[in-house]
Amino acid sequence: HAEEQAAMDAGQSTEPAAAEEAAEARSLTCVRLSSIEDLRRVLVEQGHDFWLSCLGEGAHVSFQKTLDQMTCDGFKATDAFTHCYVAKVKDQQAETNALIDHFGLGLRKRRVQARATPGFIMLLVNMNEFSALAKRNMARPITDQRLSTEERLRRTRLRFAEVDGKTLVEEAKKNDKSFWLTSFSGLGFREVKTRVVAAKMDGMYATERFSACLMYKTSNCLRVCEKIVEMCGMGLRTHRIHSKPNSGCVVVFISTTESVEAPVAASVVLPHAPGGRIKERKSKRAKKKKGKKADKGSDSEKDWRNLKMDDLMAAGGAGPASSALTTLADPRAEAEARRAKQVQCLERKLATLLPTLRDLQLSVEAVQGKLERMIQKPPGRLTVFRDDIARMWSAGVEAERHRRLVVVLQKRLENLLPTLPAEELSLEFVQSKLEESMQKPAGRFDKFRTEIDSCWRSYTG
């Protein structure tokens, strides 16, 4: 019995120690930052794999306890993330909204419910791998309503184009039996995109049914929708459009890859009559009986073609016409254009990533891995762009090294110029003294002559 009791005591004494070790392994590493700008620098490298939150100023004494009890969309913060960066701010609401406007929602579904009071902004990230939330979202389909509309918009293949009124009507006519017309009152282009990725037509998501979304900004959605129906018909719709006479965006969905058969409609809706009723378009047989007058078109169609198009074009900030829609029939040209845009996007991301790296002696594979993590892509996703990444990396490294050397030279000149006689200052004299103070051979800084000349001239006033 004594041996059994000793074994039981030993087991009881080791269980709490193991629990403490497991808790320490799961605990977050808290890093206090000096300003919100430092928080922005951390966010640049995270892509969309981050979680933003706030904490009141009076609660800063219990950071660790708050993090241990914190949950993020069903996951414990200690299980999903490895680091928590904290920055003190004067206005939690304004700063979190500014971060979300610039970097996006990250893994959140909606904005942070913060107050306009002093406090702390907490940034939760996983520095070892993709967070558990990001992995779960990657496994979900784009139509999953549990994904945020921002995440669905990033992953959609639906192409958006801001067009003018003329282009909107032309594309609707080209796809007279396969377009879908709708409107969003009181919203701009950015808000409309988030609505579109979650919109359904006849029980099917717009992102699955169509391949292009044309958006036109107007001051009267009802008037524009009625005119498009009068000129182009109802398309795939079987019921009238419930639009409002307010400013907003009129949207036309089209399918550029395959034809969508339109359901049989009994009649086509025309604009509202003065008395509030809806007129019906007469059948083609009835128009043919009227002879040549019917072939020339009705008076309302003539007014639309001659006069109303100008009104439509002026009805609230027409965007640029989409020339890409005319080249969709050539898959090779479309693929080349898509790849060029992807390379340009990678070039911008790499330009943002370069200043944050301390080591510029990285291999192309390492740079590719950092880019994939930054834009939240699985490992190996950018392998097809490895040659482009190598080219951009070599060019970017040279530019970044030059910039860093210029910063070093400027700091050395700040200390050196006050010790030199003012009457002897010249470009050659300052350069020689700088090379002497830094123990460099003569002419070593010839490629920095422009920067050296600018520094000593600004010093002398």
Protein backbone atom coordinates (compact mmCIF):
# COMPACT_ATOMS: atom_id res chain seq x y z
CA HIS A 1 0.00 0.00 0.00
CA ALA A 2 2.84 2.36 0.72
CA GLU A 3 4.27 1.83 -2.78
CA GLU A 4 0.84 2.40 -4.38
CA GLN A 5 0.34 5.58 -2.34
CA ALA A 6 3.79 6.86 -3.35
CA ALA A 7 3.03 6.18 -7.00
CA MET A 8 -0.29 7.98 -6.73
CA ASP A 9 1.39 10.96 -5.05
CA ALA A 10 4.01 11.03 -7.77
CA GLY A 11 1.28 10.98 -10.46
CA GLN A 12 -0.60 13.82 -8.81
CA SER A 13 2.54 15.91 -8.54
CA THR A 14 3.48 15.45 -12.22
CA GLU A 15 0.03 16.21 -13.72
CA PRO A 16 -0.06 19.89 -12.70
CA ALA A 17 3.50 20.35 -13.99
CA ALA A 18 2.55 18.86 -17.36
CA ALA A 19 -0.55 21.05 -17.50
CA GLU A 20 1.55 24.14 -16.79
CA GLU A 21 4.03 23.19 -19.54
CA ALA A 22 1.19 22.68 -22.02
CA ALA A 23 -0.35 26.02 -21.06
CA GLU A 24 2.99 27.76 -21.53
CA ALA A 25 3.40 26.10 -24.95
CA ARG A 26 -0.02 27.42 -25.99
CA SER A 27 0.38 30.89 -24.51
CA LEU A 28 0.80 33.83 -26.85
CA THR A 29 3.97 35.89 -27.03
CA CYS A 30 2.96 39.49 -26.30
CA VAL A 31 5.00 42.27 -27.92
CA ARG A 32 4.40 45.87 -26.85
CA LEU A 33 4.93 48.30 -29.74
CA SER A 34 5.79 51.95 -29.36
CA SER A 35 3.34 53.30 -31.98
CA ILE A 36 0.61 52.36 -34.42
CA GLU A 37 3.11 52.72 -37.27
CA ASP A 38 5.07 49.75 -35.92
CA LEU A 39 1.82 47.77 -35.97
CA ARG A 40 1.35 48.69 -39.63
CA ARG A 41 4.82 47.37 -40.45
CA VAL A 42 3.92 44.01 -38.90
CA LEU A 43 0.64 43.91 -40.81
CA VAL A 44 2.39 44.38 -44.16
CA GLU A 45 3.92 40.88 -43.97
CA GLN A 46 0.76 39.07 -42.85
CA GLY A 47 -1.40 39.30 -45.95
CA HIS A 48 -4.94 38.56 -44.73
CA ASP A 49 -3.97 36.05 -42.02
CA PHE A 50 -4.48 38.22 -38.94
CA TRP A 51 -7.07 39.12 -36.31
CA LEU A 52 -7.63 42.63 -34.98
CA SER A 53 -9.17 43.39 -31.62
CA CYS A 54 -9.28 46.16 -29.01
CA LEU A 55 -8.96 46.48 -25.26
CA GLY A 56 -9.87 49.38 -23.00
CA GLU A 57 -7.13 51.42 -21.41
CA GLY A 58 -8.07 50.33 -17.89
CA ALA A 59 -7.67 46.64 -18.73
CA HIS A 60 -4.01 46.65 -19.76
CA VAL A 61 -2.94 45.05 -16.49
CA SER A 62 -4.63 41.74 -17.46
CA PHE A 63 -3.43 41.27 -21.03
CA GLN A 64 -2.34 37.65 -20.57
CA LYS A 65 -5.54 36.66 -18.82
CA THR A 66 -7.62 38.35 -21.53
CA LEU A 67 -5.73 36.54 -24.28
CA ASP A 68 -6.05 33.17 -22.54
CA GLN A 69 -9.84 33.56 -22.46
CA MET A 70 -10.18 35.16 -25.91
CA THR A 71 -11.88 33.30 -28.80
CA CYS A 72 -11.66 34.18 -32.49
CA ASP A 73 -14.50 32.81 -34.64
CA GLY A 74 -14.72 29.56 -32.70
CA PHE A 75 -10.99 29.10 -32.04
CA LYS A 76 -9.13 29.95 -28.86
CA ALA A 77 -6.61 32.67 -29.55
CA THR A 78 -3.85 30.62 -27.92
CA ASP A 79 -4.57 27.69 -30.28
CA ALA A 80 -4.75 29.68 -33.53
CA PHE A 81 -1.98 32.30 -33.11
CA THR A 82 1.54 32.55 -31.76
CA HIS A 83 2.09 36.31 -31.27
CA CYS A 84 0.07 39.28 -30.08
CA TYR A 85 1.31 42.77 -30.96
CA VAL A 86 -0.11 45.57 -28.84
CA ALA A 87 -0.07 49.31 -29.58
CA LYS A 88 -1.56 52.09 -27.48
CA VAL A 89 -3.85 54.54 -29.30
CA LYS A 90 -5.91 57.59 -28.39
CA ASP A 91 -8.99 56.55 -30.40
CA GLN A 92 -9.67 52.83 -30.75
CA GLN A 93 -12.51 53.25 -33.24
CA ALA A 94 -10.71 55.60 -35.62
CA GLU A 95 -7.46 53.60 -35.64
CA THR A 96 -9.08 50.19 -36.15
CA ASN A 97 -11.24 51.55 -38.98
CA ALA A 98 -8.15 53.07 -40.62
CA LEU A 99 -6.30 49.74 -40.40
CA ILE A 100 -9.25 47.80 -41.83
CA ASP A 101 -9.71 50.30 -44.67
CA HIS A 102 -6.05 49.85 -45.62
CA PHE A 103 -5.35 46.16 -44.88
CA GLY A 104 -8.85 44.64 -44.92
CA LEU A 105 -10.77 42.64 -42.34
CA GLY A 106 -8.25 39.83 -42.24
CA LEU A 107 -9.94 36.78 -40.72
CA ARG A 108 -12.83 38.76 -39.26
CA LYS A 109 -16.33 38.79 -40.75
CA ARG A 110 -17.11 42.35 -39.71
CA ARG A 111 -15.42 45.41 -38.29
CA VAL A 112 -14.23 45.69 -34.70
CA GLN A 113 -16.90 47.06 -32.36
CA ALA A 114 -14.59 49.61 -30.77
CA ARG A 115 -15.31 52.80 -28.87
CA ALA A 116 -13.89 56.22 -29.65
CA THR A 117 -11.83 56.18 -26.44
CA PRO A 118 -8.16 55.62 -25.57
CA GLY A 119 -7.06 52.02 -25.37
CA PHE A 120 -4.99 49.30 -27.00
CA ILE A 121 -5.16 47.63 -30.42
CA MET A 122 -4.22 43.95 -30.43
CA LEU A 123 -2.94 42.22 -33.56
CA LEU A 124 -2.95 38.41 -33.40
CA VAL A 125 -0.79 36.56 -35.95
CA ASN A 126 0.81 33.16 -36.43
CA MET A 127 4.50 33.48 -37.22
CA ASN A 128 5.11 29.75 -37.77
CA GLU A 129 2.47 28.78 -40.35
CA PHE A 130 -1.00 29.64 -41.58
CA SER A 131 -3.32 30.09 -38.64
CA ALA A 132 -6.03 27.56 -37.88
CA LEU A 133 -8.68 30.07 -39.00
CA ALA A 134 -6.95 30.62 -42.35
CA LYS A 135 -6.65 26.86 -42.96
CA ARG A 136 -10.33 26.38 -42.18
CA ASN A 137 -11.34 29.20 -44.54
CA MET A 138 -9.16 27.75 -47.32
CA ALA A 139 -11.03 24.46 -47.05
CA ARG A 140 -14.43 26.14 -47.37
CA PRO A 141 -15.96 26.77 -50.82
CA ILE A 142 -16.46 30.32 -52.05
CA THR A 143 -20.24 29.97 -51.70
CA ASP A 144 -20.00 29.16 -47.98
CA GLN A 145 -21.94 31.84 -46.12
CA ARG A 146 -19.64 31.46 -43.12
CA LEU A 147 -16.90 33.22 -45.11
CA SER A 148 -16.81 36.98 -44.98
CA THR A 149 -17.87 38.82 -48.12
CA GLU A 150 -14.36 40.26 -48.32
CA GLU A 151 -12.86 36.76 -48.42
CA ARG A 152 -15.37 35.65 -51.04
CA LEU A 153 -14.58 38.72 -53.12
CA ARG A 154 -10.84 37.92 -53.02
CA ARG A 155 -11.44 34.38 -54.24
CA THR A 156 -14.13 34.99 -56.85
CA ARG A 157 -13.45 34.57 -60.57
CA LEU A 158 -16.22 36.99 -61.45
CA ARG A 159 -14.72 39.95 -63.29
CA PHE A 160 -15.87 43.46 -62.41
CA ALA A 161 -15.86 46.41 -64.81
CA GLU A 162 -16.89 50.02 -64.21
CA VAL A 163 -18.49 51.10 -67.48
CA ASP A 164 -20.41 54.03 -68.90
CA GLY A 165 -24.06 54.00 -69.92
CA LYS A 166 -23.39 53.33 -73.60
CA THR A 167 -21.25 50.25 -72.89
CA LEU A 168 -23.83 48.96 -70.42
CA VAL A 169 -26.59 49.07 -73.06
CA GLU A 170 -24.38 47.59 -75.79
CA GLU A 171 -23.37 44.60 -73.67
CA ALA A 172 -26.98 44.01 -72.60
CA LYS A 173 -28.02 43.98 -76.26
CA LYS A 174 -25.25 41.54 -77.20
CA ASN A 175 -26.46 39.20 -74.44
CA ASP A 176 -30.16 39.95 -74.88
CA LYS A 177 -31.29 36.53 -73.61
CA SER A 178 -28.56 35.81 -71.08
CA PHE A 179 -28.05 38.97 -68.99
CA TRP A 180 -29.40 39.83 -65.56
CA LEU A 181 -30.21 43.42 -64.64
CA THR A 182 -30.38 44.73 -61.08
CA SER A 183 -29.50 47.81 -59.06
CA PHE A 184 -28.10 48.78 -55.66
CA SER A 185 -29.33 52.11 -54.29
CA GLY A 186 -27.08 54.28 -52.16
CA LEU A 187 -23.95 52.18 -52.71
CA GLY A 188 -20.65 52.82 -54.49
CA PHE A 189 -18.56 50.43 -56.56
CA ARG A 190 -16.71 49.00 -53.55
CA GLU A 191 -19.85 48.22 -51.57
CA VAL A 192 -21.59 46.79 -54.61
CA LYS A 193 -18.82 44.21 -55.13
CA THR A 194 -19.32 42.82 -51.62
CA ARG A 195 -23.06 42.58 -52.25
CA VAL A 196 -22.60 40.89 -55.61
CA VAL A 197 -20.50 37.97 -54.32
CA ALA A 198 -23.31 37.07 -51.92
CA ALA A 199 -26.20 37.70 -54.34
CA LYS A 200 -28.44 34.89 -55.60
CA MET A 201 -30.53 34.73 -58.78
CA ASP A 202 -33.20 32.03 -58.98
CA GLY A 203 -31.48 30.10 -56.18
CA MET A 204 -28.02 30.23 -57.77
CA TYR A 205 -25.11 32.45 -56.75
CA ALA A 206 -24.11 35.15 -59.23
CA THR A 207 -20.45 34.07 -58.97
CA GLU A 208 -21.39 30.61 -60.26
CA ARG A 209 -23.90 31.66 -62.89
CA PHE A 210 -22.08 34.57 -64.57
CA SER A 211 -18.52 35.48 -65.48
CA ALA A 212 -18.65 39.30 -65.71
CA CYS A 213 -20.32 42.08 -63.74
CA LEU A 214 -20.74 45.51 -65.36
CA MET A 215 -21.36 48.40 -62.96
CA TYR A 216 -22.65 51.83 -63.88
CA LYS A 217 -22.97 54.67 -61.37
CA THR A 218 -26.04 56.86 -61.75
CA SER A 219 -28.13 59.41 -59.90
CA ASN A 220 -31.42 57.61 -60.65
CA CYS A 221 -31.35 53.81 -60.60
CA LEU A 222 -35.05 53.41 -61.43
CA ARG A 223 -34.89 55.58 -64.53
CA VAL A 224 -31.80 53.81 -65.94
CA CYS A 225 -33.23 50.33 -65.27
CA GLU A 226 -36.48 51.21 -67.02
CA LYS A 227 -34.65 52.51 -70.08
CA ILE A 228 -32.46 49.41 -70.32
CA VAL A 229 -35.56 47.19 -70.09
CA GLU A 230 -37.25 49.24 -72.80
CA MET A 231 -34.25 48.91 -75.13
CA CYS A 232 -32.94 45.43 -74.32
CA GLY A 233 -35.79 43.53 -72.71
CA MET A 234 -35.82 41.63 -69.43
CA GLY A 235 -33.02 39.19 -70.17
CA LEU A 236 -33.21 36.27 -67.74
CA ARG A 237 -35.65 37.97 -65.41
CA THR A 238 -39.30 36.99 -65.28
CA HIS A 239 -40.47 39.77 -62.95
CA ARG A 240 -40.06 43.52 -62.96
CA ILE A 241 -37.06 45.10 -61.25
CA HIS A 242 -37.76 46.61 -57.85
CA SER A 243 -35.53 49.64 -58.10
CA LYS A 244 -35.68 53.03 -56.38
CA PRO A 245 -35.29 56.51 -57.91
CA ASN A 246 -32.13 57.11 -55.87
CA SER A 247 -28.45 57.37 -56.66
CA GLY A 248 -26.47 54.16 -56.73
CA CYS A 249 -25.18 51.53 -59.16
CA VAL A 250 -26.99 49.70 -61.94
CA VAL A 251 -25.48 46.26 -62.50
CA VAL A 252 -25.66 43.96 -65.51
CA PHE A 253 -24.43 40.36 -65.17
CA ILE A 254 -23.37 38.58 -68.35
CA SER A 255 -21.98 35.15 -69.14
CA THR A 256 -19.06 35.41 -71.55
CA THR A 257 -18.01 31.77 -71.63
CA GLU A 258 -21.28 29.95 -72.21
CA SER A 259 -24.79 30.90 -73.22
CA VAL A 260 -27.49 30.78 -70.57
CA GLU A 261 -30.94 30.03 -71.91
CA ALA A 262 -33.54 32.56 -70.83
CA PRO A 263 -36.81 31.30 -69.35
CA VAL A 264 -39.93 31.93 -71.38
CA ALA A 265 -41.55 35.20 -70.33
CA ALA A 266 -45.16 36.06 -71.06
CA SER A 267 -44.50 39.75 -71.46
CA VAL A 268 -41.76 42.34 -71.16
CA VAL A 269 -42.03 45.13 -68.64
CA LEU A 270 -41.82 48.72 -69.77
CA PRO A 271 -41.37 51.85 -67.64
CA HIS A 272 -44.12 52.93 -65.26
CA ALA A 273 -47.01 54.81 -66.77
CA PRO A 274 -47.96 58.17 -65.23
CA GLY A 275 -50.84 56.53 -63.43
CA GLY A 276 -48.58 54.01 -61.73
CA ARG A 277 -49.48 50.95 -63.85
CA ILE A 278 -47.02 48.98 -65.93
CA LYS A 279 -47.49 48.83 -69.68
CA GLU A 280 -46.85 45.68 -71.67
CA ARG A 281 -44.84 45.64 -74.87
CA LYS A 282 -46.88 44.59 -77.82
CA SER A 283 -45.99 41.36 -79.54
CA LYS A 284 -43.89 41.31 -82.71
CA ARG A 285 -46.87 40.13 -84.75
CA ALA A 286 -48.91 43.16 -83.73
CA LYS A 287 -46.05 45.45 -84.71
CA LYS A 288 -45.60 43.82 -88.10
CA LYS A 289 -49.26 44.44 -88.92
CA LYS A 290 -48.63 48.15 -88.66
CA GLY A 291 -46.18 47.93 -91.57
CA LYS A 292 -43.16 50.09 -92.11
CA LYS A 293 -43.82 52.25 -89.07
CA ALA A 294 -43.14 49.30 -86.82
CA ASP A 295 -39.82 48.56 -88.57
CA LYS A 296 -38.55 52.06 -87.89
CA GLY A 297 -39.19 51.72 -84.17
CA SER A 298 -41.56 53.44 -81.78
CA ASP A 299 -41.34 57.08 -80.75
CA SER A 300 -40.05 56.11 -77.32
CA GLU A 301 -37.19 54.13 -78.92
CA LYS A 302 -36.32 57.09 -81.17
CA ASP A 303 -36.23 59.41 -78.16
CA TRP A 304 -34.02 56.95 -76.32
CA ARG A 305 -31.54 56.63 -79.18
CA ASN A 306 -31.37 60.30 -80.02
CA LEU A 307 -31.77 62.09 -76.71
CA LYS A 308 -31.93 59.84 -73.69
CA MET A 309 -28.50 58.28 -74.18
CA ASP A 310 -26.87 61.61 -73.40
CA ASP A 311 -28.95 61.86 -70.24
CA LEU A 312 -27.90 58.36 -69.26
CA MET A 313 -24.23 59.15 -69.85
CA ALA A 314 -24.51 62.26 -67.66
CA ALA A 315 -26.51 60.58 -64.90
CA GLY A 316 -23.78 60.39 -62.32
CA GLY A 317 -20.10 59.86 -63.10
CA ALA A 318 -19.72 57.40 -65.93
CA GLY A 319 -16.69 55.17 -65.56
CA PRO A 320 -14.32 54.07 -68.28
CA ALA A 321 -15.64 51.69 -70.90
CA SER A 322 -14.49 48.12 -70.54
CA SER A 323 -12.44 47.19 -73.58
CA ALA A 324 -11.56 43.79 -72.07
CA LEU A 325 -15.06 42.47 -72.83
CA THR A 326 -14.43 42.67 -76.56
CA THR A 327 -11.44 40.30 -76.41
CA LEU A 328 -12.96 37.52 -74.35
CA ALA A 329 -13.28 35.27 -77.39
CA ASP A 330 -9.49 34.89 -77.60
CA PRO A 331 -8.44 32.63 -74.68
CA ARG A 332 -4.71 33.06 -75.40
CA ALA A 333 -4.91 36.86 -75.23
CA GLU A 334 -7.02 36.63 -72.12
CA ALA A 335 -4.49 34.31 -70.41
CA GLU A 336 -1.58 36.60 -71.33
CA ALA A 337 -3.42 39.65 -70.00
CA ARG A 338 -4.26 37.82 -66.78
CA ARG A 339 -0.65 36.74 -66.27
CA ALA A 340 0.61 40.28 -66.90
CA LYS A 341 -1.75 41.60 -64.21
CA GLN A 342 -0.63 38.89 -61.80
CA VAL A 343 3.04 39.76 -62.38
CA GLN A 344 2.31 43.45 -61.80
CA CYS A 345 0.54 42.56 -58.55
CA LEU A 346 3.53 40.46 -57.40
CA GLU A 347 5.86 43.33 -58.27
CA ARG A 348 3.88 45.71 -56.05
CA LYS A 349 3.80 43.18 -53.21
CA LEU A 350 7.55 42.62 -53.51
CA ALA A 351 8.20 46.37 -53.42
CA THR A 352 6.24 46.48 -50.15
CA LEU A 353 8.07 43.46 -48.74
CA LEU A 354 11.65 44.57 -49.53
CA PRO A 355 11.98 47.43 -46.98
CA THR A 356 10.85 45.09 -44.17
CA LEU A 357 13.62 42.52 -44.76
CA ARG A 358 16.88 42.72 -42.87
CA ASP A 359 18.66 40.04 -44.88
CA LEU A 360 18.95 40.74 -48.60
CA GLN A 361 20.99 37.59 -49.28
CA LEU A 362 17.89 35.42 -49.58
CA SER A 363 17.40 32.76 -52.22
CA VAL A 364 14.59 32.95 -54.75
CA GLU A 365 12.85 30.06 -52.96
CA ALA A 366 12.92 31.94 -49.65
CA VAL A 367 11.54 35.10 -51.28
CA GLN A 368 8.82 33.04 -52.94
CA GLY A 369 7.86 31.59 -49.56
CA LYS A 370 7.63 35.05 -47.98
CA LEU A 371 5.49 36.30 -50.86
CA GLU A 372 3.15 33.30 -50.56
CA ARG A 373 2.77 33.95 -46.87
CA MET A 374 2.22 37.66 -47.43
CA ILE A 375 -0.62 37.16 -49.93
CA GLN A 376 -1.97 34.13 -48.02
CA LYS A 377 -1.34 31.45 -50.64
CA PRO A 378 -0.39 27.79 -49.99
CA PRO A 379 3.31 26.83 -50.39
CA GLY A 380 4.30 26.34 -54.01
CA ARG A 381 1.43 28.41 -55.40
CA LEU A 382 3.81 30.94 -57.00
CA THR A 383 6.22 28.40 -58.50
CA VAL A 384 4.99 29.25 -62.01
CA PHE A 385 6.17 32.84 -61.40
CA ARG A 386 9.64 31.86 -60.12
CA ASP A 387 11.48 33.38 -63.08
CA ASP A 388 9.55 36.63 -62.69
CA ILE A 389 10.21 36.64 -58.95
CA ALA A 390 13.95 36.10 -59.56
CA ARG A 391 14.05 38.98 -62.03
CA MET A 392 12.11 41.35 -59.78
CA TRP A 393 14.10 40.27 -56.72
CA SER A 394 17.50 40.98 -58.30
CA ALA A 395 16.35 44.41 -59.51
CA GLY A 396 14.67 45.22 -56.22
CA VAL A 397 17.67 44.17 -54.13
CA GLU A 398 19.97 46.53 -56.01
CA ALA A 399 17.56 49.42 -55.53
CA GLU A 400 17.08 48.60 -51.85
CA ARG A 401 20.82 48.32 -51.21
CA HIS A 402 21.36 51.69 -52.88
CA ARG A 403 18.63 53.23 -50.72
CA ARG A 404 20.07 51.80 -47.51
CA LEU A 405 23.58 52.99 -48.40
CA VAL A 406 22.24 56.48 -49.07
CA VAL A 407 20.64 56.50 -45.61
CA VAL A 408 23.98 55.49 -44.04
CA LEU A 409 25.88 58.17 -45.97
CA GLN A 410 23.37 60.83 -44.95
CA LYS A 411 23.84 59.96 -41.28
CA ARG A 412 27.65 60.04 -41.62
CA LEU A 413 27.48 63.42 -43.37
CA GLU A 414 25.34 64.84 -40.57
CA ASN A 415 28.21 64.17 -38.17
CA LEU A 416 31.02 65.00 -40.61
CA LEU A 417 29.91 68.33 -42.14
CA PRO A 418 30.00 70.38 -38.89
CA THR A 419 33.71 69.45 -38.49
CA LEU A 420 34.74 70.67 -41.96
CA PRO A 421 35.70 74.29 -42.74
CA ALA A 422 32.76 76.01 -44.41
CA GLU A 423 34.91 77.99 -46.89
CA GLU A 424 36.42 74.77 -48.35
CA LEU A 425 33.18 72.86 -48.84
CA SER A 426 32.70 71.42 -52.32
CA LEU A 427 31.52 68.16 -53.80
CA GLU A 428 35.02 66.74 -54.32
CA PHE A 429 36.24 67.90 -50.90
CA VAL A 430 33.24 66.49 -49.02
CA GLN A 431 33.37 63.18 -50.92
CA SER A 432 37.10 62.74 -50.22
CA LYS A 433 36.64 63.48 -46.51
CA LEU A 434 33.69 61.08 -46.34
CA GLU A 435 35.70 58.30 -47.98
CA GLU A 436 38.60 59.02 -45.62
CA SER A 437 36.40 58.93 -42.51
CA MET A 438 34.82 55.64 -43.59
CA GLN A 439 38.18 54.15 -44.63
CA LYS A 440 37.18 53.66 -48.25
CA PRO A 441 39.42 54.02 -51.31
CA ALA A 442 39.26 57.22 -53.35
CA GLY A 443 36.38 57.24 -55.82
CA ARG A 444 34.43 54.58 -53.92
CA PHE A 445 31.40 56.90 -53.63
CA ASP A 446 31.37 58.20 -57.20
CA LYS A 447 27.93 56.69 -57.83
CA PHE A 448 26.60 58.61 -54.82
CA ARG A 449 27.81 62.02 -55.98
CA THR A 450 24.28 63.30 -56.54
CA GLU A 451 23.21 62.41 -53.00
CA ILE A 452 26.43 63.78 -51.44
CA ASP A 453 26.08 67.04 -53.35
CA SER A 454 22.46 67.40 -52.22
CA CYS A 455 23.40 66.77 -48.56
CA TRP A 456 26.20 69.32 -48.23
CA ARG A 457 24.26 71.97 -50.16
CA SER A 458 21.23 71.56 -47.93
CA TYR A 459 23.56 71.80 -44.92
CA THR A 460 25.06 75.12 -46.09
CA GLY A 461 21.56 76.45 -46.74
